[in-house]
Amino acid sequence: EAVDREVMAGLLKMRRMTEPFIAREAALSAGSEDIDALRLSGERLIDDIRSRPHDPQALSESDFNFHSALMRAAKNLIFPLFFNSFKPV
């Protein structure tokens, strides 16, 4: 199902505004398991970008998994809840 352009633009803007702060929190709080999860999901995302650049389903899933790991690494229960609310979109 197509996503409204304004909704997508709003989500991307929200992401640009919040993720630098969340990445900082993750850098300060992440344990070794979080770092491993980020590395693995980041590598999968890069692999999918290289091998399946025209597969929006795969790219969206890999992107979501990477950012989900980032939210968990920040050790703030609200970040994953907030981020997961975008999953249906």
N, C-alpha and C. Protein backbone atom coordinates (compact mmCIF):
# COMPACT_ATOMS: atom_id res chain seq x y z
N GLU A 1 0.85 -1.18 0.00
CA GLU A 1 0.00 0.00 0.00
C GLU A 1 0.89 1.24 0.00
N ALA A 2 0.53 2.18 -0.83
CA ALA A 2 1.31 3.42 -0.95
C ALA A 2 1.17 4.27 0.31
N VAL A 3 2.26 4.93 0.64
CA VAL A 3 2.27 5.83 1.80
C VAL A 3 2.16 7.26 1.28
N ASP A 4 1.30 8.02 1.91
CA ASP A 4 1.12 9.42 1.55
C ASP A 4 2.45 10.16 1.63
N ARG A 5 2.75 10.98 0.63
CA ARG A 5 4.02 11.70 0.58
C ARG A 5 4.23 12.59 1.81
N GLU A 6 3.20 13.27 2.25
CA GLU A 6 3.33 14.15 3.40
C GLU A 6 3.62 13.37 4.67
N VAL A 7 3.00 12.22 4.82
CA VAL A 7 3.26 11.36 5.97
C VAL A 7 4.71 10.89 5.94
N MET A 8 5.17 10.43 4.78
CA MET A 8 6.55 9.96 4.65
C MET A 8 7.54 11.10 4.92
N ALA A 9 7.27 12.28 4.39
CA ALA A 9 8.15 13.42 4.62
C ALA A 9 8.19 13.77 6.10
N GLY A 10 7.05 13.71 6.76
CA GLY A 10 6.99 14.00 8.19
C GLY A 10 7.77 12.98 9.01
N LEU A 11 7.65 11.72 8.65
CA LEU A 11 8.39 10.67 9.36
C LEU A 11 9.90 10.84 9.18
N LEU A 12 10.31 11.13 7.97
CA LEU A 12 11.74 11.33 7.72
C LEU A 12 12.27 12.56 8.45
N LYS A 13 11.47 13.60 8.52
CA LYS A 13 11.88 14.80 9.26
C LYS A 13 12.01 14.49 10.75
N MET A 14 11.06 13.75 11.28
CA MET A 14 11.11 13.36 12.69
C MET A 14 12.35 12.52 12.96
N ARG A 15 12.66 11.65 12.05
CA ARG A 15 13.83 10.80 12.20
C ARG A 15 15.12 11.64 12.18
N ARG A 16 15.19 12.59 11.26
CA ARG A 16 16.38 13.46 11.21
C ARG A 16 16.55 14.25 12.50
N MET A 17 15.45 14.62 13.12
CA MET A 17 15.52 15.42 14.34
C MET A 17 15.87 14.59 15.56
N THR A 18 15.37 13.37 15.64
CA THR A 18 15.53 12.58 16.87
C THR A 18 16.72 11.62 16.86
N GLU A 19 17.08 11.10 15.72
CA GLU A 19 18.09 10.03 15.72
C GLU A 19 19.49 10.47 16.13
N PRO A 20 19.93 11.68 15.84
CA PRO A 20 21.26 12.05 16.36
C PRO A 20 21.32 11.98 17.89
N PHE A 21 20.26 12.42 18.54
CA PHE A 21 20.21 12.35 20.01
C PHE A 21 20.17 10.90 20.47
N ILE A 22 19.36 10.08 19.82
CA ILE A 22 19.25 8.67 20.19
C ILE A 22 20.57 7.95 19.94
N ALA A 23 21.24 8.25 18.84
CA ALA A 23 22.54 7.64 18.55
C ALA A 23 23.55 8.02 19.63
N ARG A 24 23.51 9.26 20.09
CA ARG A 24 24.41 9.68 21.16
C ARG A 24 24.12 8.89 22.44
N GLU A 25 22.86 8.75 22.77
CA GLU A 25 22.47 7.99 23.96
C GLU A 25 22.92 6.54 23.83
N ALA A 26 22.78 5.97 22.64
CA ALA A 26 23.22 4.59 22.41
C ALA A 26 24.73 4.47 22.57
N ALA A 27 25.46 5.45 22.05
CA ALA A 27 26.92 5.42 22.17
C ALA A 27 27.36 5.47 23.63
N LEU A 28 26.60 6.17 24.44
CA LEU A 28 26.94 6.30 25.85
C LEU A 28 26.48 5.10 26.69
N SER A 29 25.45 4.40 26.21
CA SER A 29 24.81 3.38 27.04
C SER A 29 24.98 1.94 26.56
N ALA A 30 25.35 1.75 25.32
CA ALA A 30 25.36 0.41 24.73
C ALA A 30 26.35 -0.52 25.41
N GLY A 31 25.90 -1.73 25.64
CA GLY A 31 26.78 -2.79 26.13
C GLY A 31 27.31 -3.60 24.97
N SER A 32 28.09 -4.61 25.27
CA SER A 32 28.71 -5.41 24.19
C SER A 32 27.66 -6.13 23.34
N GLU A 33 26.57 -6.59 23.95
CA GLU A 33 25.51 -7.24 23.16
C GLU A 33 24.84 -6.25 22.22
N ASP A 34 24.65 -5.02 22.69
CA ASP A 34 24.05 -3.98 21.85
C ASP A 34 24.96 -3.66 20.67
N ILE A 35 26.25 -3.56 20.94
CA ILE A 35 27.22 -3.26 19.88
C ILE A 35 27.23 -4.37 18.84
N ASP A 36 27.18 -5.62 19.30
CA ASP A 36 27.12 -6.75 18.37
C ASP A 36 25.85 -6.70 17.52
N ALA A 37 24.71 -6.38 18.15
CA ALA A 37 23.44 -6.30 17.42
C ALA A 37 23.47 -5.16 16.40
N LEU A 38 24.05 -4.04 16.79
CA LEU A 38 24.16 -2.91 15.85
C LEU A 38 25.07 -3.26 14.69
N ARG A 39 26.19 -3.89 14.98
CA ARG A 39 27.12 -4.27 13.91
C ARG A 39 26.45 -5.23 12.94
N LEU A 40 25.80 -6.25 13.47
CA LEU A 40 25.16 -7.25 12.62
C LEU A 40 24.04 -6.63 11.78
N SER A 41 23.18 -5.86 12.41
CA SER A 41 22.07 -5.27 11.65
C SER A 41 22.58 -4.21 10.67
N GLY A 42 23.64 -3.50 11.01
CA GLY A 42 24.23 -2.54 10.09
C GLY A 42 24.84 -3.23 8.88
N GLU A 43 25.52 -4.34 9.11
CA GLU A 43 26.10 -5.10 8.01
C GLU A 43 25.01 -5.65 7.09
N ARG A 44 23.92 -6.12 7.68
CA ARG A 44 22.80 -6.63 6.87
C ARG A 44 22.18 -5.51 6.04
N LEU A 45 22.05 -4.34 6.64
CA LEU A 45 21.49 -3.20 5.92
C LEU A 45 22.39 -2.84 4.73
N ILE A 46 23.68 -2.77 4.96
CA ILE A 46 24.62 -2.45 3.87
C ILE A 46 24.56 -3.52 2.78
N ASP A 47 24.53 -4.79 3.19
CA ASP A 47 24.43 -5.87 2.21
C ASP A 47 23.16 -5.74 1.36
N ASP A 48 22.04 -5.44 2.02
CA ASP A 48 20.78 -5.30 1.28
C ASP A 48 20.81 -4.09 0.35
N ILE A 49 21.43 -3.01 0.79
CA ILE A 49 21.53 -1.82 -0.08
C ILE A 49 22.34 -2.17 -1.33
N ARG A 50 23.40 -2.93 -1.15
CA ARG A 50 24.26 -3.31 -2.28
C ARG A 50 23.63 -4.37 -3.18
N SER A 51 23.03 -5.38 -2.57
CA SER A 51 22.56 -6.52 -3.35
C SER A 51 21.10 -6.41 -3.81
N ARG A 52 20.31 -5.62 -3.09
CA ARG A 52 18.88 -5.52 -3.45
C ARG A 52 18.42 -4.06 -3.44
N PRO A 53 19.07 -3.19 -4.20
CA PRO A 53 18.73 -1.77 -4.12
C PRO A 53 17.32 -1.43 -4.60
N HIS A 54 16.69 -2.33 -5.34
CA HIS A 54 15.36 -2.07 -5.87
C HIS A 54 14.29 -2.92 -5.19
N ASP A 55 14.58 -3.39 -3.99
CA ASP A 55 13.64 -4.21 -3.23
C ASP A 55 13.21 -3.43 -1.98
N PRO A 56 12.17 -2.60 -2.11
CA PRO A 56 11.78 -1.76 -0.98
C PRO A 56 11.40 -2.53 0.27
N GLN A 57 10.84 -3.71 0.11
CA GLN A 57 10.47 -4.54 1.26
C GLN A 57 11.71 -4.93 2.07
N ALA A 58 12.72 -5.43 1.37
CA ALA A 58 13.95 -5.87 2.04
C ALA A 58 14.67 -4.68 2.66
N LEU A 59 14.76 -3.58 1.95
CA LEU A 59 15.45 -2.40 2.46
C LEU A 59 14.73 -1.83 3.67
N SER A 60 13.41 -1.79 3.59
CA SER A 60 12.63 -1.28 4.71
C SER A 60 12.81 -2.14 5.96
N GLU A 61 12.80 -3.45 5.77
CA GLU A 61 12.97 -4.36 6.90
C GLU A 61 14.37 -4.24 7.51
N SER A 62 15.39 -4.18 6.68
CA SER A 62 16.76 -4.04 7.18
C SER A 62 16.95 -2.71 7.89
N ASP A 63 16.39 -1.66 7.31
CA ASP A 63 16.48 -0.33 7.91
C ASP A 63 15.80 -0.32 9.28
N PHE A 64 14.60 -0.90 9.32
CA PHE A 64 13.86 -0.95 10.58
C PHE A 64 14.64 -1.73 11.64
N ASN A 65 15.22 -2.87 11.26
CA ASN A 65 15.97 -3.68 12.21
C ASN A 65 17.18 -2.94 12.76
N PHE A 66 17.89 -2.22 11.89
CA PHE A 66 19.05 -1.46 12.36
C PHE A 66 18.63 -0.37 13.35
N HIS A 67 17.62 0.38 12.99
CA HIS A 67 17.20 1.48 13.86
C HIS A 67 16.54 0.97 15.13
N SER A 68 15.92 -0.17 15.06
CA SER A 68 15.36 -0.79 16.26
C SER A 68 16.48 -1.17 17.23
N ALA A 69 17.57 -1.72 16.70
CA ALA A 69 18.73 -2.06 17.54
C ALA A 69 19.32 -0.79 18.16
N LEU A 70 19.34 0.28 17.40
CA LEU A 70 19.84 1.55 17.91
C LEU A 70 18.98 2.05 19.07
N MET A 71 17.67 1.94 18.91
CA MET A 71 16.75 2.39 19.98
C MET A 71 16.97 1.57 21.25
N ARG A 72 17.11 0.26 21.10
CA ARG A 72 17.33 -0.59 22.27
C ARG A 72 18.66 -0.28 22.94
N ALA A 73 19.68 0.02 22.15
CA ALA A 73 21.01 0.31 22.70
C ALA A 73 21.01 1.59 23.51
N ALA A 74 20.08 2.48 23.26
CA ALA A 74 20.02 3.76 23.98
C ALA A 74 19.52 3.58 25.42
N LYS A 75 18.94 2.42 25.73
CA LYS A 75 18.51 2.08 27.09
C LYS A 75 17.44 3.02 27.64
N ASN A 76 16.55 3.47 26.77
CA ASN A 76 15.42 4.29 27.18
C ASN A 76 14.18 3.60 26.65
N LEU A 77 13.30 3.15 27.53
CA LEU A 77 12.14 2.37 27.11
C LEU A 77 11.22 3.12 26.15
N ILE A 78 11.22 4.43 26.21
CA ILE A 78 10.33 5.21 25.35
C ILE A 78 10.80 5.21 23.90
N PHE A 79 12.10 5.19 23.65
CA PHE A 79 12.60 5.24 22.28
C PHE A 79 12.08 4.09 21.42
N PRO A 80 12.18 2.82 21.86
CA PRO A 80 11.64 1.75 21.02
C PRO A 80 10.12 1.83 20.87
N LEU A 81 9.43 2.24 21.91
CA LEU A 81 7.97 2.37 21.81
C LEU A 81 7.60 3.41 20.76
N PHE A 82 8.28 4.54 20.80
CA PHE A 82 8.05 5.61 19.84
C PHE A 82 8.38 5.13 18.43
N PHE A 83 9.54 4.52 18.27
CA PHE A 83 9.98 4.06 16.96
C PHE A 83 9.06 2.98 16.42
N ASN A 84 8.66 2.03 17.25
CA ASN A 84 7.81 0.93 16.80
C ASN A 84 6.42 1.42 16.34
N SER A 85 6.03 2.59 16.80
CA SER A 85 4.74 3.13 16.37
C SER A 85 4.75 3.46 14.87
N PHE A 86 5.95 3.58 14.27
CA PHE A 86 6.05 3.85 12.83
C PHE A 86 6.04 2.59 11.98
N LYS A 87 6.15 1.43 12.60
CA LYS A 87 6.28 0.16 11.87
C LYS A 87 5.15 -0.02 10.85
N PRO A 88 3.89 0.26 11.18
CA PRO A 88 2.83 0.05 10.18
C PRO A 88 3.01 0.91 8.93
N VAL A 89 3.67 2.04 9.06
CA VAL A 89 3.84 2.94 7.92
C VAL A 89 5.00 2.46 7.08
